[in-house]
Structures are given as C-alpha cells and as structure tokens.
Amino acid sequence: MMCNGIFRTSVNVVIINSVGKEVFHQLLPANAVPDLAVGEEVEWFADVAETIIGTIGVGGMNMGWNYAVLKPDTTGDFRVAEKQRHFPTRHTARVTLLRRMAGAEAAAPWRLAA
C-alpha cells in the first residue's frame, strides 16, 4: 500500500513460546497423545493465544528428530495437522517446526474435519 509516497506494509507477528510438557498435554484431548507419534517428546511449543501447538521428539527406526504441528478441529480439540520425520539434528527440527507454526498461524485459518 502506498501512502504519501511511502510504501507501508502490514506485518503479522506470531509469537511462539516454549512451554512445559504438562502445559502442552493439558491442551490435548485424551486420545491425542498416541496420535503424535514423534518418538520421545523433548520440546513443546505454543503460540501466545494457544491456537497452534507443536512438539519435537526423537526416535523411530532411524533415531532421527521429528516434529508435529497441532491445530484445533471444528470441535476445538487439537489434532495433528502436520508431521515431519527424519531430521538430522534437533536444531533443524526445531527451526523447521517454528517456521511451520508461524506460517500456519499467519495463513488464513482452516479447520480439520471432525
């Protein structure tokens, strides 16, 4: 948008915090934990409004690093929206997870089918 010869753009800022395991799991419906399937969970994240959450884990056949992004479905229960596996390092998995969470939050909202 141009205003008085100056270009102005709106910027969406998404703040994602590290949260504890207990906080993360309190947000989940009872049947969601096995559905995560990221291996042994080692880090947990949520945006400030707790509308998108994610976790990083290690394990599986290749003992690689994995992540899952969860978003609320039509009933408001968090469900896995995206899962990626086999990252070579924890750092790579974390950076990719945080980028995906920020991108998912900034994008137009969508809901999973119930």
PDB file of N, CA and C in Angstrom:
ATOM      1  N   MET A   1       0.843  -1.160   0.000  1.00  0.00           N
ATOM      2  CA  MET A   1       0.000   0.000   0.000  1.00  0.00           C
ATOM      3  C   MET A   1       0.896   1.232   0.000  1.00  0.00           C
ATOM      4  N   MET A   2       0.523   2.258  -0.798  1.00  0.00           N
ATOM      5  CA  MET A   2       1.311   3.480  -0.865  1.00  0.00           C
ATOM      6  C   MET A   2       0.541   4.606  -0.198  1.00  0.00           C
ATOM      7  N   CYS A   3       1.200   5.329   0.687  1.00  0.00           N
ATOM      8  CA  CYS A   3       0.576   6.422   1.408  1.00  0.00           C
ATOM      9  C   CYS A   3       1.563   7.585   1.429  1.00  0.00           C
ATOM     10  N   ASN A   4       1.209   8.703   0.789  1.00  0.00           N
ATOM     11  CA  ASN A   4       2.077   9.884   0.715  1.00  0.00           C
ATOM     12  C   ASN A   4       3.460   9.546   0.181  1.00  0.00           C
ATOM     13  N   GLY A   5       3.521   8.688  -0.820  1.00  0.00           N
ATOM     14  CA  GLY A   5       4.797   8.338  -1.429  1.00  0.00           C
ATOM     15  C   GLY A   5       5.624   7.351  -0.620  1.00  0.00           C
ATOM     16  N   ILE A   6       5.093   6.906   0.497  1.00  0.00           N
ATOM     17  CA  ILE A   6       5.810   5.946   1.328  1.00  0.00           C
ATOM     18  C   ILE A   6       5.072   4.618   1.270  1.00  0.00           C
ATOM     19  N   PHE A   7       5.814   3.571   0.996  1.00  0.00           N
ATOM     20  CA  PHE A   7       5.199   2.247   0.971  1.00  0.00           C
ATOM     21  C   PHE A   7       5.078   1.726   2.396  1.00  0.00           C
ATOM     22  N   ARG A   8       3.900   1.279   2.721  1.00  0.00           N
ATOM     23  CA  ARG A   8       3.652   0.696   4.040  1.00  0.00           C
ATOM     24  C   ARG A   8       3.106  -0.695   3.853  1.00  0.00           C
ATOM     25  N   THR A   9       3.597  -1.572   4.644  1.00  0.00           N
ATOM     26  CA  THR A   9       3.092  -2.938   4.604  1.00  0.00           C
ATOM     27  C   THR A   9       2.667  -3.335   6.002  1.00  0.00           C
ATOM     28  N   SER A  10       1.683  -4.172   6.060  1.00  0.00           N
ATOM     29  CA  SER A  10       1.299  -4.693   7.363  1.00  0.00           C
ATOM     30  C   SER A  10       2.099  -5.961   7.611  1.00  0.00           C
ATOM     31  N   VAL A  11       2.513  -6.124   8.824  1.00  0.00           N
ATOM     32  CA  VAL A  11       3.316  -7.279   9.198  1.00  0.00           C
ATOM     33  C   VAL A  11       2.596  -8.030  10.302  1.00  0.00           C
ATOM     34  N   ASN A  12       2.403  -9.318  10.075  1.00  0.00           N
ATOM     35  CA  ASN A  12       1.829 -10.164  11.110  1.00  0.00           C
ATOM     36  C   ASN A  12       2.960 -10.727  11.948  1.00  0.00           C
ATOM     37  N   VAL A  13       2.846 -10.583  13.236  1.00  0.00           N
ATOM     38  CA  VAL A  13       3.850 -11.107  14.139  1.00  0.00           C
ATOM     39  C   VAL A  13       3.244 -12.280  14.894  1.00  0.00           C
ATOM     40  N   VAL A  14       3.925 -13.395  14.851  1.00  0.00           N
ATOM     41  CA  VAL A  14       3.474 -14.578  15.557  1.00  0.00           C
ATOM     42  C   VAL A  14       4.516 -14.890  16.625  1.00  0.00           C
ATOM     43  N   ILE A  15       4.085 -14.926  17.866  1.00  0.00           N
ATOM     44  CA  ILE A  15       4.987 -15.217  18.974  1.00  0.00           C
ATOM     45  C   ILE A  15       4.746 -16.651  19.414  1.00  0.00           C
ATOM     46  N   ILE A  16       5.806 -17.437  19.353  1.00  0.00           N
ATOM     47  CA  ILE A  16       5.723 -18.831  19.757  1.00  0.00           C
ATOM     48  C   ILE A  16       6.655 -19.029  20.942  1.00  0.00           C
ATOM     49  N   ASN A  17       6.105 -19.549  22.018  1.00  0.00           N
ATOM     50  CA  ASN A  17       6.865 -19.765  23.248  1.00  0.00           C
ATOM     51  C   ASN A  17       7.124 -21.239  23.479  1.00  0.00           C
ATOM     52  N   SER A  18       8.225 -21.503  24.153  1.00  0.00           N
ATOM     53  CA  SER A  18       8.488 -22.843  24.651  1.00  0.00           C
ATOM     54  C   SER A  18       7.590 -23.035  25.875  1.00  0.00           C
ATOM     55  N   VAL A  19       6.924 -24.175  25.948  1.00  0.00           N
ATOM     56  CA  VAL A  19       6.059 -24.466  27.091  1.00  0.00           C
ATOM     57  C   VAL A  19       6.480 -25.801  27.680  1.00  0.00           C
ATOM     58  N   GLY A  20       6.075 -26.047  28.880  1.00  0.00           N
ATOM     59  CA  GLY A  20       6.390 -27.322  29.521  1.00  0.00           C
ATOM     60  C   GLY A  20       5.524 -28.453  29.001  1.00  0.00           C
ATOM     61  N   LYS A  21       5.964 -29.642  29.271  1.00  0.00           N
ATOM     62  CA  LYS A  21       5.244 -30.838  28.860  1.00  0.00           C
ATOM     63  C   LYS A  21       3.835 -30.866  29.438  1.00  0.00           C
ATOM     64  N   GLU A  22       3.706 -30.502  30.720  1.00  0.00           N
ATOM     65  CA  GLU A  22       2.404 -30.537  31.369  1.00  0.00           C
ATOM     66  C   GLU A  22       1.426 -29.556  30.720  1.00  0.00           C
ATOM     67  N   VAL A  23       1.880 -28.350  30.443  1.00  0.00           N
ATOM     68  CA  VAL A  23       1.028 -27.342  29.793  1.00  0.00           C
ATOM     69  C   VAL A  23       0.587 -27.847  28.427  1.00  0.00           C
ATOM     70  N   PHE A  24       1.525 -28.370  27.665  1.00  0.00           N
ATOM     71  CA  PHE A  24       1.227 -28.877  26.329  1.00  0.00           C
ATOM     72  C   PHE A  24       0.169 -29.973  26.384  1.00  0.00           C
ATOM     73  N   HIS A  25       0.365 -30.949  27.244  1.00  0.00           N
ATOM     74  CA  HIS A  25      -0.552 -32.088  27.296  1.00  0.00           C
ATOM     75  C   HIS A  25      -1.909 -31.734  27.890  1.00  0.00           C
ATOM     76  N   GLN A  26      -1.990 -30.678  28.668  1.00  0.00           N
ATOM     77  CA  GLN A  26      -3.296 -30.222  29.172  1.00  0.00           C
ATOM     78  C   GLN A  26      -4.152 -29.663  28.043  1.00  0.00           C
ATOM     79  N   LEU A  27      -3.531 -29.210  26.966  1.00  0.00           N
ATOM     80  CA  LEU A  27      -4.268 -28.670  25.829  1.00  0.00           C
ATOM     81  C   LEU A  27      -4.836 -29.757  24.917  1.00  0.00           C
ATOM     82  N   LEU A  28      -4.357 -30.968  25.072  1.00  0.00           N
ATOM     83  CA  LEU A  28      -4.740 -32.064  24.174  1.00  0.00           C
ATOM     84  C   LEU A  28      -5.950 -32.838  24.675  1.00  0.00           C
ATOM     85  N   PRO A  29      -6.756 -33.366  23.736  1.00  0.00           N
ATOM     86  CA  PRO A  29      -7.792 -34.311  24.149  1.00  0.00           C
ATOM     87  C   PRO A  29      -7.112 -35.613  24.595  1.00  0.00           C
ATOM     88  N   ALA A  30      -7.787 -36.407  25.367  1.00  0.00           N
ATOM     89  CA  ALA A  30      -7.204 -37.615  25.961  1.00  0.00           C
ATOM     90  C   ALA A  30      -6.637 -38.580  24.928  1.00  0.00           C
ATOM     91  N   ASN A  31      -7.227 -38.656  23.749  1.00  0.00           N
ATOM     92  CA  ASN A  31      -6.796 -39.643  22.750  1.00  0.00           C
ATOM     93  C   ASN A  31      -5.725 -39.126  21.797  1.00  0.00           C
ATOM     94  N   ALA A  32      -5.196 -37.938  21.992  1.00  0.00           N
ATOM     95  CA  ALA A  32      -4.258 -37.344  21.034  1.00  0.00           C
ATOM     96  C   ALA A  32      -2.815 -37.777  21.242  1.00  0.00           C
ATOM     97  N   VAL A  33      -2.434 -38.152  22.443  1.00  0.00           N
ATOM     98  CA  VAL A  33      -1.029 -38.442  22.725  1.00  0.00           C
ATOM     99  C   VAL A  33      -0.461 -39.537  21.818  1.00  0.00           C
ATOM    100  N   PRO A  34      -1.113 -40.697  21.673  1.00  0.00           N
ATOM    101  CA  PRO A  34      -0.550 -41.703  20.763  1.00  0.00           C
ATOM    102  C   PRO A  34      -0.524 -41.230  19.312  1.00  0.00           C
ATOM    103  N   ASP A  35      -1.422 -40.325  18.952  1.00  0.00           N
ATOM    104  CA  ASP A  35      -1.518 -39.830  17.590  1.00  0.00           C
ATOM    105  C   ASP A  35      -0.319 -38.962  17.206  1.00  0.00           C
ATOM    106  N   LEU A  36       0.395 -38.421  18.182  1.00  0.00           N
ATOM    107  CA  LEU A  36       1.527 -37.548  17.877  1.00  0.00           C
ATOM    108  C   LEU A  36       2.628 -38.315  17.145  1.00  0.00           C
ATOM    109  N   ALA A  37       2.996 -39.459  17.665  1.00  0.00           N
ATOM    110  CA  ALA A  37       3.979 -40.352  17.034  1.00  0.00           C
ATOM    111  C   ALA A  37       5.235 -39.632  16.563  1.00  0.00           C
ATOM    112  N   VAL A  38       5.848 -38.850  17.444  1.00  0.00           N
ATOM    113  CA  VAL A  38       7.107 -38.182  17.110  1.00  0.00           C
ATOM    114  C   VAL A  38       8.274 -38.829  17.843  1.00  0.00           C
ATOM    115  N   GLY A  39       8.015 -39.914  18.539  1.00  0.00           N
ATOM    116  CA  GLY A  39       9.038 -40.544  19.355  1.00  0.00           C
ATOM    117  C   GLY A  39       8.978 -39.986  20.765  1.00  0.00           C
ATOM    118  N   GLU A  40      10.110 -39.991  21.446  1.00  0.00           N
ATOM    119  CA  GLU A  40      10.160 -39.430  22.795  1.00  0.00           C
ATOM    120  C   GLU A  40      10.148 -37.902  22.694  1.00  0.00           C
ATOM    121  N   GLU A  41       9.093 -37.288  23.207  1.00  0.00           N
ATOM    122  CA  GLU A  41       8.963 -35.829  23.134  1.00  0.00           C
ATOM    123  C   GLU A  41      10.004 -35.160  24.026  1.00  0.00           C
ATOM    124  N   VAL A  42      10.659 -34.123  23.474  1.00  0.00           N
ATOM    125  CA  VAL A  42      11.702 -33.432  24.238  1.00  0.00           C
ATOM    126  C   VAL A  42      11.492 -31.922  24.315  1.00  0.00           C
ATOM    127  N   GLU A  43      10.650 -31.357  23.430  1.00  0.00           N
ATOM    128  CA  GLU A  43      10.350 -29.922  23.462  1.00  0.00           C
ATOM    129  C   GLU A  43       8.900 -29.707  23.066  1.00  0.00           C
ATOM    130  N   TRP A  44       8.294 -28.656  23.644  1.00  0.00           N
ATOM    131  CA  TRP A  44       6.888 -28.350  23.407  1.00  0.00           C
ATOM    132  C   TRP A  44       6.740 -26.852  23.199  1.00  0.00           C
ATOM    133  N   PHE A  45       5.853 -26.450  22.270  1.00  0.00           N
ATOM    134  CA  PHE A  45       5.689 -25.050  21.907  1.00  0.00           C
ATOM    135  C   PHE A  45       4.213 -24.705  21.738  1.00  0.00           C
ATOM    136  N   ALA A  46       3.883 -23.423  21.955  1.00  0.00           N
ATOM    137  CA  ALA A  46       2.528 -22.913  21.715  1.00  0.00           C
ATOM    138  C   ALA A  46       2.623 -21.437  21.377  1.00  0.00           C
ATOM    139  N   ASP A  47       1.711 -20.982  20.518  1.00  0.00           N
ATOM    140  CA  ASP A  47       1.665 -19.544  20.301  1.00  0.00           C
ATOM    141  C   ASP A  47       1.015 -18.902  21.525  1.00  0.00           C
ATOM    142  N   VAL A  48       1.081 -17.592  21.612  1.00  0.00           N
ATOM    143  CA  VAL A  48       0.610 -16.876  22.794  1.00  0.00           C
ATOM    144  C   VAL A  48      -0.866 -17.161  23.076  1.00  0.00           C
ATOM    145  N   ALA A  49      -1.674 -17.238  22.033  1.00  0.00           N
ATOM    146  CA  ALA A  49      -3.116 -17.477  22.203  1.00  0.00           C
ATOM    147  C   ALA A  49      -3.451 -18.956  22.350  1.00  0.00           C
ATOM    148  N   GLU A  50      -2.445 -19.813  22.259  1.00  0.00           N
ATOM    149  CA  GLU A  50      -2.631 -21.267  22.327  1.00  0.00           C
ATOM    150  C   GLU A  50      -3.610 -21.767  21.267  1.00  0.00           C
ATOM    151  N   THR A  51      -3.448 -21.230  20.037  1.00  0.00           N
ATOM    152  CA  THR A  51      -4.279 -21.663  18.921  1.00  0.00           C
ATOM    153  C   THR A  51      -3.533 -22.609  17.996  1.00  0.00           C
ATOM    154  N   ILE A  52      -2.241 -22.738  18.188  1.00  0.00           N
ATOM    155  CA  ILE A  52      -1.430 -23.693  17.445  1.00  0.00           C
ATOM    156  C   ILE A  52      -0.315 -24.158  18.374  1.00  0.00           C
ATOM    157  N   ILE A  53      -0.091 -25.466  18.403  1.00  0.00           N
ATOM    158  CA  ILE A  53       0.923 -26.017  19.295  1.00  0.00           C
ATOM    159  C   ILE A  53       1.783 -27.010  18.514  1.00  0.00           C
ATOM    160  N   GLY A  54       2.956 -27.300  19.049  1.00  0.00           N
ATOM    161  CA  GLY A  54       3.839 -28.234  18.372  1.00  0.00           C
ATOM    162  C   GLY A  54       4.779 -28.909  19.352  1.00  0.00           C
ATOM    163  N   THR A  55       5.325 -30.039  18.925  1.00  0.00           N
ATOM    164  CA  THR A  55       6.264 -30.776  19.758  1.00  0.00           C
ATOM    165  C   THR A  55       7.370 -31.368  18.897  1.00  0.00           C
ATOM    166  N   ILE A  56       8.529 -31.546  19.519  1.00  0.00           N
ATOM    167  CA  ILE A  56       9.681 -32.172  18.874  1.00  0.00           C
ATOM    168  C   ILE A  56       9.994 -33.446  19.639  1.00  0.00           C
ATOM    169  N   GLY A  57      10.315 -34.491  18.893  1.00  0.00           N
ATOM    170  CA  GLY A  57      10.680 -35.749  19.520  1.00  0.00           C
ATOM    171  C   GLY A  57      11.827 -36.416  18.791  1.00  0.00           C
ATOM    172  N   VAL A  58      12.380 -37.410  19.425  1.00  0.00           N
ATOM    173  CA  VAL A  58      13.455 -38.189  18.820  1.00  0.00           C
ATOM    174  C   VAL A  58      13.089 -39.661  18.929  1.00  0.00           C
ATOM    175  N   GLY A  59      13.388 -40.386  17.883  1.00  0.00           N
ATOM    176  CA  GLY A  59      13.099 -41.821  17.907  1.00  0.00           C
ATOM    177  C   GLY A  59      12.703 -42.322  16.546  1.00  0.00           C
ATOM    178  N   GLY A  60      12.224 -43.520  16.529  1.00  0.00           N
ATOM    179  CA  GLY A  60      11.832 -44.147  15.280  1.00  0.00           C
ATOM    180  C   GLY A  60      12.938 -45.045  14.769  1.00  0.00           C
ATOM    181  N   MET A  61      12.734 -45.609  13.613  1.00  0.00           N
ATOM    182  CA  MET A  61      13.684 -46.565  13.054  1.00  0.00           C
ATOM    183  C   MET A  61      15.062 -45.953  12.814  1.00  0.00           C
ATOM    184  N   ASN A  62      15.107 -44.713  12.353  1.00  0.00           N
ATOM    185  CA  ASN A  62      16.390 -44.060  12.071  1.00  0.00           C
ATOM    186  C   ASN A  62      16.904 -43.241  13.241  1.00  0.00           C
ATOM    187  N   MET A  63      16.193 -43.251  14.361  1.00  0.00           N
ATOM    188  CA  MET A  63      16.539 -42.430  15.523  1.00  0.00           C
ATOM    189  C   MET A  63      16.734 -40.966  15.134  1.00  0.00           C
ATOM    190  N   GLY A  64      15.936 -40.497  14.192  1.00  0.00           N
ATOM    191  CA  GLY A  64      16.014 -39.110  13.758  1.00  0.00           C
ATOM    192  C   GLY A  64      15.133 -38.224  14.608  1.00  0.00           C
ATOM    193  N   TRP A  65      15.216 -36.931  14.345  1.00  0.00           N
ATOM    194  CA  TRP A  65      14.399 -35.925  15.031  1.00  0.00           C
ATOM    195  C   TRP A  65      13.130 -35.696  14.231  1.00  0.00           C
ATOM    196  N   ASN A  66      12.012 -35.505  14.939  1.00  0.00           N
ATOM    197  CA  ASN A  66      10.696 -35.400  14.323  1.00  0.00           C
ATOM    198  C   ASN A  66       9.914 -34.256  14.954  1.00  0.00           C
ATOM    199  N   TYR A  67       8.887 -33.772  14.254  1.00  0.00           N
ATOM    200  CA  TYR A  67       8.003 -32.780  14.867  1.00  0.00           C
ATOM    201  C   TYR A  67       6.568 -33.009  14.440  1.00  0.00           C
ATOM    202  N   ALA A  68       5.657 -32.442  15.231  1.00  0.00           N
ATOM    203  CA  ALA A  68       4.237 -32.442  14.887  1.00  0.00           C
ATOM    204  C   ALA A  68       3.671 -31.060  15.203  1.00  0.00           C
ATOM    205  N   VAL A  69       2.873 -30.539  14.285  1.00  0.00           N
ATOM    206  CA  VAL A  69       2.131 -29.293  14.480  1.00  0.00           C
ATOM    207  C   VAL A  69       0.683 -29.677  14.690  1.00  0.00           C
ATOM    208  N   LEU A  70       0.057 -29.114  15.715  1.00  0.00           N
ATOM    209  CA  LEU A  70      -1.339 -29.423  16.014  1.00  0.00           C
ATOM    210  C   LEU A  70      -2.162 -28.147  15.957  1.00  0.00           C
ATOM    211  N   LYS A  71      -3.359 -28.282  15.386  1.00  0.00           N
ATOM    212  CA  LYS A  71      -4.308 -27.179  15.294  1.00  0.00           C
ATOM    213  C   LYS A  71      -5.673 -27.682  15.760  1.00  0.00           C
ATOM    214  N   PRO A  72      -6.532 -26.779  16.198  1.00  0.00           N
ATOM    215  CA  PRO A  72      -7.852 -27.219  16.650  1.00  0.00           C
ATOM    216  C   PRO A  72      -8.740 -27.653  15.486  1.00  0.00           C
ATOM    217  N   ASP A  73      -9.528 -28.701  15.713  1.00  0.00           N
ATOM    218  CA  ASP A  73     -10.506 -29.129  14.718  1.00  0.00           C
ATOM    219  C   ASP A  73     -11.790 -28.335  14.934  1.00  0.00           C
ATOM    220  N   THR A  74     -12.861 -28.728  14.278  1.00  0.00           N
ATOM    221  CA  THR A  74     -14.115 -27.976  14.365  1.00  0.00           C
ATOM    222  C   THR A  74     -14.735 -27.995  15.752  1.00  0.00           C
ATOM    223  N   THR A  75     -14.339 -28.977  16.581  1.00  0.00           N
ATOM    224  CA  THR A  75     -14.861 -29.027  17.950  1.00  0.00           C
ATOM    225  C   THR A  75     -13.937 -28.337  18.942  1.00  0.00           C
ATOM    226  N   GLY A  76     -12.777 -27.861  18.444  1.00  0.00           N
ATOM    227  CA  GLY A  76     -11.833 -27.166  19.310  1.00  0.00           C
ATOM    228  C   GLY A  76     -10.754 -28.058  19.895  1.00  0.00           C
ATOM    229  N   ASP A  77     -10.797 -29.353  19.596  1.00  0.00           N
ATOM    230  CA  ASP A  77      -9.767 -30.269  20.081  1.00  0.00           C
ATOM    231  C   ASP A  77      -8.551 -30.214  19.158  1.00  0.00           C
ATOM    232  N   PHE A  78      -7.354 -30.203  19.740  1.00  0.00           N
ATOM    233  CA  PHE A  78      -6.141 -30.194  18.939  1.00  0.00           C
ATOM    234  C   PHE A  78      -5.941 -31.545  18.268  1.00  0.00           C
ATOM    235  N   ARG A  79      -5.625 -31.487  16.979  1.00  0.00           N
ATOM    236  CA  ARG A  79      -5.334 -32.675  16.180  1.00  0.00           C
ATOM    237  C   ARG A  79      -4.061 -32.408  15.380  1.00  0.00           C
ATOM    238  N   VAL A  80      -3.351 -33.473  15.039  1.00  0.00           N
ATOM    239  CA  VAL A  80      -2.137 -33.324  14.248  1.00  0.00           C
ATOM    240  C   VAL A  80      -2.509 -32.786  12.870  1.00  0.00           C
ATOM    241  N   ALA A  81      -1.923 -31.648  12.517  1.00  0.00           N
ATOM    242  CA  ALA A  81      -2.162 -31.035  11.216  1.00  0.00           C
ATOM    243  C   ALA A  81      -1.003 -31.291  10.268  1.00  0.00           C
ATOM    244  N   GLU A  82       0.184 -31.484  10.840  1.00  0.00           N
ATOM    245  CA  GLU A  82       1.370 -31.727  10.024  1.00  0.00           C
ATOM    246  C   GLU A  82       2.388 -32.484  10.865  1.00  0.00           C
ATOM    247  N   LYS A  83       3.064 -33.417  10.227  1.00  0.00           N
ATOM    248  CA  LYS A  83       4.085 -34.201  10.917  1.00  0.00           C
ATOM    249  C   LYS A  83       5.235 -34.424   9.943  1.00  0.00           C
ATOM    250  N   GLN A  84       6.451 -34.216  10.404  1.00  0.00           N
ATOM    251  CA  GLN A  84       7.631 -34.470   9.577  1.00  0.00           C
ATOM    252  C   GLN A  84       8.637 -35.276  10.395  1.00  0.00           C
ATOM    253  N   ARG A  85       9.377 -36.139   9.716  1.00  0.00           N
ATOM    254  CA  ARG A  85      10.313 -37.029  10.397  1.00  0.00           C
ATOM    255  C   ARG A  85      11.694 -36.984   9.748  1.00  0.00           C
ATOM    256  N   HIS A  86      12.632 -37.591  10.448  1.00  0.00           N
ATOM    257  CA  HIS A  86      13.975 -37.864   9.942  1.00  0.00           C
ATOM    258  C   HIS A  86      14.836 -36.619   9.750  1.00  0.00           C
ATOM    259  N   PHE A  87      14.732 -35.637  10.651  1.00  0.00           N
ATOM    260  CA  PHE A  87      15.658 -34.509  10.616  1.00  0.00           C
ATOM    261  C   PHE A  87      16.986 -34.964  11.233  1.00  0.00           C
ATOM    262  N   PRO A  88      18.109 -34.486  10.699  1.00  0.00           N
ATOM    263  CA  PRO A  88      19.402 -34.958  11.205  1.00  0.00           C
ATOM    264  C   PRO A  88      19.770 -34.415  12.582  1.00  0.00           C
ATOM    265  N   THR A  89      19.229 -33.243  12.945  1.00  0.00           N
ATOM    266  CA  THR A  89      19.565 -32.646  14.239  1.00  0.00           C
ATOM    267  C   THR A  89      18.318 -32.076  14.900  1.00  0.00           C
ATOM    268  N   ARG A  90      18.404 -31.932  16.204  1.00  0.00           N
ATOM    269  CA  ARG A  90      17.310 -31.316  16.970  1.00  0.00           C
ATOM    270  C   ARG A  90      17.099 -29.872  16.522  1.00  0.00           C
ATOM    271  N   HIS A  91      18.196 -29.175  16.283  1.00  0.00           N
ATOM    272  CA  HIS A  91      18.115 -27.774  15.856  1.00  0.00           C
ATOM    273  C   HIS A  91      17.355 -27.643  14.535  1.00  0.00           C
ATOM    274  N   THR A  92      17.652 -28.494  13.583  1.00  0.00           N
ATOM    275  CA  THR A  92      16.966 -28.450  12.285  1.00  0.00           C
ATOM    276  C   THR A  92      15.471 -28.709  12.456  1.00  0.00           C
ATOM    277  N   ALA A  93      15.121 -29.678  13.280  1.00  0.00           N
ATOM    278  CA  ALA A  93      13.707 -29.969  13.533  1.00  0.00           C
ATOM    279  C   ALA A  93      13.029 -28.782  14.201  1.00  0.00           C
ATOM    280  N   ARG A  94      13.697 -28.147  15.186  1.00  0.00           N
ATOM    281  CA  ARG A  94      13.116 -27.008  15.904  1.00  0.00           C
ATOM    282  C   ARG A  94      12.883 -25.823  14.966  1.00  0.00           C
ATOM    283  N   VAL A  95      13.888 -25.473  14.180  1.00  0.00           N
ATOM    284  CA  VAL A  95      13.759 -24.330  13.274  1.00  0.00           C
ATOM    285  C   VAL A  95      12.629 -24.569  12.274  1.00  0.00           C
ATOM    286  N   THR A  96      12.574 -25.771  11.717  1.00  0.00           N
ATOM    287  CA  THR A  96      11.515 -26.081  10.749  1.00  0.00           C
ATOM    288  C   THR A  96      10.144 -26.049  11.416  1.00  0.00           C
ATOM    289  N   LEU A  97      10.030 -26.622  12.603  1.00  0.00           N
ATOM    290  CA  LEU A  97       8.761 -26.602  13.335  1.00  0.00           C
ATOM    291  C   LEU A  97       8.305 -25.171  13.598  1.00  0.00           C
ATOM    292  N   LEU A  98       9.178 -24.328  14.114  1.00  0.00           N
ATOM    293  CA  LEU A  98       8.798 -22.955  14.439  1.00  0.00           C
ATOM    294  C   LEU A  98       8.395 -22.173  13.189  1.00  0.00           C
ATOM    295  N   ARG A  99       9.085 -22.393  12.091  1.00  0.00           N
ATOM    296  CA  ARG A  99       8.700 -21.736  10.831  1.00  0.00           C
ATOM    297  C   ARG A  99       7.332 -22.209  10.363  1.00  0.00           C
ATOM    298  N   ARG A 100       7.081 -23.505  10.470  1.00  0.00           N
ATOM    299  CA  ARG A 100       5.783 -24.039  10.049  1.00  0.00           C
ATOM    300  C   ARG A 100       4.664 -23.534  10.953  1.00  0.00           C
ATOM    301  N   MET A 101       4.932 -23.469  12.252  1.00  0.00           N
ATOM    302  CA  MET A 101       3.923 -22.954  13.179  1.00  0.00           C
ATOM    303  C   MET A 101       3.621 -21.488  12.880  1.00  0.00           C
ATOM    304  N   ALA A 102       4.643 -20.680  12.667  1.00  0.00           N
ATOM    305  CA  ALA A 102       4.445 -19.259  12.368  1.00  0.00           C
ATOM    306  C   ALA A 102       3.715 -19.081  11.047  1.00  0.00           C
ATOM    307  N   GLY A 103       4.069 -19.861  10.058  1.00  0.00           N
ATOM    308  CA  GLY A 103       3.406 -19.784   8.760  1.00  0.00           C
ATOM    309  C   GLY A 103       1.963 -20.240   8.821  1.00  0.00           C
ATOM    310  N   ALA A 104       1.704 -21.273   9.582  1.00  0.00           N
ATOM    311  CA  ALA A 104       0.333 -21.781   9.719  1.00  0.00           C
ATOM    312  C   ALA A 104      -0.539 -20.782  10.454  1.00  0.00           C
ATOM    313  N   GLU A 105       0.029 -20.111  11.447  1.00  0.00           N
ATOM    314  CA  GLU A 105      -0.726 -19.128  12.220  1.00  0.00           C
ATOM    315  C   GLU A 105      -1.010 -17.888  11.400  1.00  0.00           C
ATOM    316  N   ALA A 106      -0.058 -17.473  10.574  1.00  0.00           N
ATOM    317  CA  ALA A 106      -0.236 -16.262   9.780  1.00  0.00           C
ATOM    318  C   ALA A 106      -1.158 -16.479   8.588  1.00  0.00           C
ATOM    319  N   ALA A 107      -1.274 -17.713   8.135  1.00  0.00           N
ATOM    320  CA  ALA A 107      -2.127 -18.028   6.992  1.00  0.00           C
ATOM    321  C   ALA A 107      -3.591 -17.940   7.404  1.00  0.00           C
ATOM    322  N   ALA A 108      -4.441 -17.933   6.394  1.00  0.00           N
ATOM    323  CA  ALA A 108      -5.882 -17.914   6.669  1.00  0.00           C
ATOM    324  C   ALA A 108      -6.239 -19.133   7.510  1.00  0.00           C
ATOM    325  N   PRO A 109      -7.068 -18.963   8.516  1.00  0.00           N
ATOM    326  CA  PRO A 109      -7.403 -20.094   9.395  1.00  0.00           C
ATOM    327  C   PRO A 109      -8.156 -21.188   8.640  1.00  0.00           C
ATOM    328  N   TRP A 110      -7.913 -22.404   9.025  1.00  0.00           N
ATOM    329  CA  TRP A 110      -8.625 -23.558   8.493  1.00  0.00           C
ATOM    330  C   TRP A 110      -8.881 -24.511   9.627  1.00  0.00           C
ATOM    331  N   ARG A 111      -9.784 -25.374   9.412  1.00  0.00           N
ATOM    332  CA  ARG A 111     -10.164 -26.337  10.464  1.00  0.00           C
ATOM    333  C   ARG A 111     -10.122 -27.733   9.890  1.00  0.00           C
ATOM    334  N   LEU A 112      -9.739 -28.670  10.715  1.00  0.00           N
ATOM    335  CA  LEU A 112      -9.778 -30.070  10.336  1.00  0.00           C
ATOM    336  C   LEU A 112     -11.213 -30.574  10.447  1.00  0.00           C
ATOM    337  N   ALA A 113     -11.544 -31.534   9.645  1.00  0.00           N
ATOM    338  CA  ALA A 113     -12.879 -32.125   9.741  1.00  0.00           C
ATOM    339  C   ALA A 113     -13.004 -32.893  11.056  1.00  0.00           C
ATOM    340  N   ALA A 114     -14.176 -32.866  11.621  1.00  0.00           N
ATOM    341  CA  ALA A 114     -14.413 -33.573  12.903  1.00  0.00           C
ATOM    342  C   ALA A 114     -14.425 -35.059  12.696  1.00  0.00           C
TER     343      ALA A 114
END
